[in-house]
């Protein structure tokens, strides 16, 4: 991990940092939703193509954040803990 950070400093590329948050909304039919996180000022958009695991509202997830022309977008979203049913 530390080697990756050192290499990113010298290469001029910032390595994406994994964030954690909770699924605020996810519409399976439309294939998108939003994640809320303490580490990001606003909700982060998530598309079904960026999911590693199936998610539902209330699930705790880990993800990487990438800026897009439409705002912040979650990538490599994986499930940490399912919401209590």
N, C-alpha and C. Protein backbone atom coordinates (compact mmCIF):
# COMPACT_ATOMS: atom_id res chain seq x y z
N UNK A 1 0.82 -1.20 0.00
CA UNK A 1 0.00 0.00 0.00
C UNK A 1 0.86 1.26 0.00
N UNK A 2 1.84 1.35 0.89
CA UNK A 2 2.68 2.54 0.96
C UNK A 2 3.49 2.70 -0.32
N UNK A 3 3.90 1.58 -0.94
CA UNK A 3 4.66 1.65 -2.19
C UNK A 3 3.81 2.27 -3.30
N UNK A 4 2.55 1.90 -3.35
CA UNK A 4 1.64 2.44 -4.35
C UNK A 4 1.50 3.96 -4.18
N UNK A 5 1.43 4.41 -2.93
CA UNK A 5 1.32 5.85 -2.64
C UNK A 5 2.58 6.59 -3.05
N UNK A 6 3.74 6.03 -2.75
CA UNK A 6 5.01 6.66 -3.12
C UNK A 6 5.14 6.73 -4.64
N UNK A 7 4.78 5.66 -5.33
CA UNK A 7 4.85 5.65 -6.79
C UNK A 7 3.90 6.67 -7.39
N UNK A 8 2.72 6.84 -6.79
CA UNK A 8 1.77 7.81 -7.32
C UNK A 8 2.29 9.24 -7.17
N UNK A 9 3.04 9.51 -6.12
CA UNK A 9 3.62 10.84 -5.92
C UNK A 9 4.63 11.14 -7.01
N UNK A 10 5.50 10.17 -7.30
CA UNK A 10 6.54 10.39 -8.31
C UNK A 10 6.00 10.34 -9.73
N UNK A 11 4.94 9.63 -9.97
CA UNK A 11 4.39 9.56 -11.31
C UNK A 11 3.44 10.71 -11.60
N UNK A 12 3.05 11.45 -10.56
CA UNK A 12 2.14 12.57 -10.72
C UNK A 12 0.68 12.15 -10.79
N UNK A 13 0.41 10.87 -10.61
CA UNK A 13 -0.97 10.39 -10.63
C UNK A 13 -1.40 10.07 -9.21
N UNK A 14 -2.52 10.61 -8.84
CA UNK A 14 -3.05 10.33 -7.51
C UNK A 14 -3.78 8.99 -7.52
N UNK A 15 -3.39 8.10 -6.64
CA UNK A 15 -4.05 6.79 -6.55
C UNK A 15 -5.44 6.97 -5.96
N UNK A 16 -6.46 6.32 -6.52
CA UNK A 16 -7.80 6.45 -5.95
C UNK A 16 -7.86 5.84 -4.56
N UNK A 17 -8.48 6.56 -3.65
CA UNK A 17 -8.61 6.07 -2.28
C UNK A 17 -10.00 5.48 -2.11
N UNK A 18 -10.07 4.35 -1.45
CA UNK A 18 -11.36 3.71 -1.22
C UNK A 18 -12.10 4.44 -0.11
N UNK A 19 -13.36 4.73 -0.38
CA UNK A 19 -14.25 5.38 0.59
C UNK A 19 -15.28 4.37 1.07
N UNK A 20 -15.95 4.71 2.15
CA UNK A 20 -17.04 3.86 2.64
C UNK A 20 -18.28 4.72 2.79
N UNK A 21 -19.43 4.10 2.60
CA UNK A 21 -20.67 4.83 2.72
C UNK A 21 -21.86 3.90 2.79
N UNK A 22 -23.04 4.49 2.73
CA UNK A 22 -24.29 3.74 2.82
C UNK A 22 -25.12 4.05 1.57
N UNK A 23 -25.73 3.01 1.01
CA UNK A 23 -26.57 3.18 -0.17
C UNK A 23 -27.83 3.95 0.26
N UNK A 24 -28.00 5.14 -0.29
CA UNK A 24 -29.13 5.99 0.03
C UNK A 24 -30.35 5.60 -0.80
N UNK A 25 -30.09 5.21 -2.04
CA UNK A 25 -31.16 4.88 -2.99
C UNK A 25 -30.54 4.03 -4.09
N UNK A 26 -31.24 2.99 -4.52
CA UNK A 26 -30.80 2.22 -5.69
C UNK A 26 -32.02 1.64 -6.39
N UNK A 27 -32.19 1.98 -7.66
CA UNK A 27 -33.29 1.50 -8.48
C UNK A 27 -32.75 0.42 -9.41
N UNK A 28 -33.04 -0.81 -9.11
CA UNK A 28 -32.51 -1.94 -9.88
C UNK A 28 -33.01 -1.94 -11.33
N UNK A 29 -34.29 -1.55 -11.54
CA UNK A 29 -34.84 -1.52 -12.90
C UNK A 29 -34.13 -0.50 -13.78
N UNK A 30 -33.86 0.68 -13.22
CA UNK A 30 -33.19 1.74 -14.00
C UNK A 30 -31.67 1.60 -13.97
N UNK A 31 -31.15 0.85 -12.99
CA UNK A 31 -29.72 0.57 -12.94
C UNK A 31 -28.84 1.65 -12.36
N UNK A 32 -29.40 2.48 -11.48
CA UNK A 32 -28.57 3.51 -10.85
C UNK A 32 -29.08 3.86 -9.46
N UNK A 33 -28.24 4.59 -8.73
CA UNK A 33 -28.61 5.03 -7.40
C UNK A 33 -27.60 6.02 -6.86
N UNK A 34 -27.63 6.22 -5.53
CA UNK A 34 -26.74 7.17 -4.89
C UNK A 34 -26.23 6.60 -3.57
N UNK A 35 -25.00 6.95 -3.25
CA UNK A 35 -24.35 6.54 -2.01
C UNK A 35 -24.03 7.79 -1.21
N UNK A 36 -24.32 7.76 0.10
CA UNK A 36 -23.93 8.87 0.97
C UNK A 36 -22.74 8.44 1.80
N UNK A 37 -21.80 9.38 2.01
CA UNK A 37 -20.58 9.08 2.73
C UNK A 37 -20.15 10.28 3.56
N UNK A 38 -19.54 10.01 4.70
CA UNK A 38 -19.00 11.09 5.55
C UNK A 38 -17.81 11.77 4.88
N UNK A 39 -17.13 11.03 4.01
CA UNK A 39 -15.88 11.50 3.42
C UNK A 39 -16.08 12.33 2.16
N UNK A 40 -17.32 12.42 1.69
CA UNK A 40 -17.63 13.16 0.47
C UNK A 40 -18.76 14.14 0.79
N UNK A 41 -18.64 15.38 0.34
CA UNK A 41 -19.60 16.43 0.68
C UNK A 41 -21.01 16.16 0.20
N UNK A 42 -21.15 15.50 -0.95
CA UNK A 42 -22.49 15.26 -1.50
C UNK A 42 -22.65 13.79 -1.87
N UNK A 43 -23.86 13.40 -2.21
CA UNK A 43 -24.12 12.03 -2.60
C UNK A 43 -23.36 11.68 -3.88
N UNK A 44 -22.95 10.43 -3.97
CA UNK A 44 -22.16 9.96 -5.10
C UNK A 44 -23.04 9.06 -5.97
N UNK A 45 -23.09 9.34 -7.26
CA UNK A 45 -23.85 8.56 -8.22
C UNK A 45 -23.22 7.19 -8.40
N UNK A 46 -24.03 6.15 -8.52
CA UNK A 46 -23.53 4.81 -8.79
C UNK A 46 -24.36 4.17 -9.89
N UNK A 47 -23.68 3.58 -10.87
CA UNK A 47 -24.35 2.89 -11.98
C UNK A 47 -24.12 1.40 -11.83
N UNK A 48 -25.09 0.61 -12.27
CA UNK A 48 -25.03 -0.85 -12.14
C UNK A 48 -23.76 -1.44 -12.77
N UNK A 49 -23.20 -0.80 -13.77
CA UNK A 49 -21.98 -1.32 -14.42
C UNK A 49 -20.74 -1.20 -13.54
N UNK A 50 -20.84 -0.42 -12.46
CA UNK A 50 -19.70 -0.24 -11.55
C UNK A 50 -19.83 -1.04 -10.26
N UNK A 51 -20.75 -2.00 -10.23
CA UNK A 51 -20.96 -2.82 -9.03
C UNK A 51 -20.18 -4.13 -9.11
N UNK A 52 -19.52 -4.47 -8.01
CA UNK A 52 -18.89 -5.79 -7.89
C UNK A 52 -19.85 -6.76 -7.20
N UNK A 53 -20.76 -6.22 -6.37
CA UNK A 53 -21.75 -7.00 -5.65
C UNK A 53 -23.12 -6.36 -5.86
N UNK A 54 -24.17 -7.13 -5.66
CA UNK A 54 -25.53 -6.60 -5.72
C UNK A 54 -25.76 -5.75 -4.48
N UNK A 55 -26.33 -4.56 -4.64
CA UNK A 55 -26.58 -3.66 -3.50
C UNK A 55 -28.06 -3.28 -3.41
N UNK A 56 -28.45 -2.87 -2.20
CA UNK A 56 -29.81 -2.41 -1.91
C UNK A 56 -29.73 -1.21 -0.98
N UNK A 57 -30.83 -0.49 -0.88
CA UNK A 57 -30.91 0.66 0.02
C UNK A 57 -30.51 0.24 1.44
N UNK A 58 -29.65 1.05 2.07
CA UNK A 58 -29.23 0.79 3.44
C UNK A 58 -27.97 -0.04 3.59
N UNK A 59 -27.51 -0.68 2.50
CA UNK A 59 -26.29 -1.49 2.56
C UNK A 59 -25.06 -0.59 2.78
N UNK A 60 -24.10 -1.10 3.54
CA UNK A 60 -22.83 -0.40 3.70
C UNK A 60 -21.88 -0.92 2.62
N UNK A 61 -21.22 0.02 1.92
CA UNK A 61 -20.39 -0.33 0.78
C UNK A 61 -19.04 0.38 0.84
N UNK A 62 -18.08 -0.16 0.11
CA UNK A 62 -16.79 0.48 -0.12
C UNK A 62 -16.72 0.78 -1.61
N UNK A 63 -16.09 1.89 -1.97
CA UNK A 63 -16.05 2.30 -3.37
C UNK A 63 -14.93 3.31 -3.60
N UNK A 64 -14.59 3.50 -4.87
CA UNK A 64 -13.65 4.54 -5.27
C UNK A 64 -14.47 5.65 -5.91
N UNK A 65 -14.02 6.88 -5.76
CA UNK A 65 -14.73 8.02 -6.32
C UNK A 65 -13.95 8.57 -7.51
N UNK A 66 -14.69 8.84 -8.58
CA UNK A 66 -14.07 9.41 -9.77
C UNK A 66 -14.92 10.58 -10.23
N UNK A 67 -14.28 11.67 -10.62
CA UNK A 67 -15.01 12.82 -11.14
C UNK A 67 -15.38 12.56 -12.59
N UNK A 68 -16.63 12.85 -12.92
CA UNK A 68 -17.09 12.73 -14.31
C UNK A 68 -17.68 14.07 -14.71
N UNK A 69 -18.06 14.20 -15.96
CA UNK A 69 -18.64 15.47 -16.42
C UNK A 69 -19.99 15.76 -15.77
N UNK A 70 -20.61 14.75 -15.17
CA UNK A 70 -21.90 14.92 -14.49
C UNK A 70 -21.76 15.05 -12.97
N UNK A 71 -20.55 14.93 -12.44
CA UNK A 71 -20.34 15.01 -11.00
C UNK A 71 -19.53 13.82 -10.51
N UNK A 72 -19.64 13.51 -9.23
CA UNK A 72 -18.89 12.40 -8.66
C UNK A 72 -19.58 11.07 -8.95
N UNK A 73 -18.77 10.07 -9.29
CA UNK A 73 -19.31 8.75 -9.63
C UNK A 73 -18.54 7.67 -8.87
N UNK A 74 -19.27 6.71 -8.32
CA UNK A 74 -18.67 5.60 -7.58
C UNK A 74 -18.23 4.52 -8.55
N UNK A 75 -17.04 3.98 -8.33
CA UNK A 75 -16.49 2.89 -9.14
C UNK A 75 -16.11 1.74 -8.21
N UNK A 76 -16.07 0.54 -8.74
CA UNK A 76 -15.65 -0.65 -7.99
C UNK A 76 -16.40 -0.77 -6.65
N UNK A 77 -17.70 -0.64 -6.70
CA UNK A 77 -18.54 -0.67 -5.50
C UNK A 77 -18.68 -2.11 -5.02
N UNK A 78 -18.32 -2.33 -3.75
CA UNK A 78 -18.44 -3.68 -3.19
C UNK A 78 -19.17 -3.60 -1.85
N UNK A 79 -19.87 -4.65 -1.55
CA UNK A 79 -20.69 -4.74 -0.35
C UNK A 79 -19.82 -5.00 0.88
N UNK A 80 -20.04 -4.23 1.94
CA UNK A 80 -19.37 -4.46 3.22
C UNK A 80 -20.32 -5.16 4.19
N UNK A 81 -21.54 -4.63 4.27
CA UNK A 81 -22.53 -5.19 5.19
C UNK A 81 -23.93 -4.90 4.65
N UNK A 82 -24.76 -5.96 4.60
CA UNK A 82 -26.13 -5.78 4.14
C UNK A 82 -26.96 -5.12 5.21
N UNK A 83 -27.94 -4.35 4.76
CA UNK A 83 -28.87 -3.69 5.68
C UNK A 83 -29.76 -4.73 6.33
N UNK A 84 -30.13 -4.48 7.57
CA UNK A 84 -31.05 -5.38 8.27
C UNK A 84 -32.40 -5.31 7.61
N UNK A 85 -33.01 -6.45 7.37
CA UNK A 85 -34.31 -6.48 6.69
C UNK A 85 -35.43 -6.37 7.67
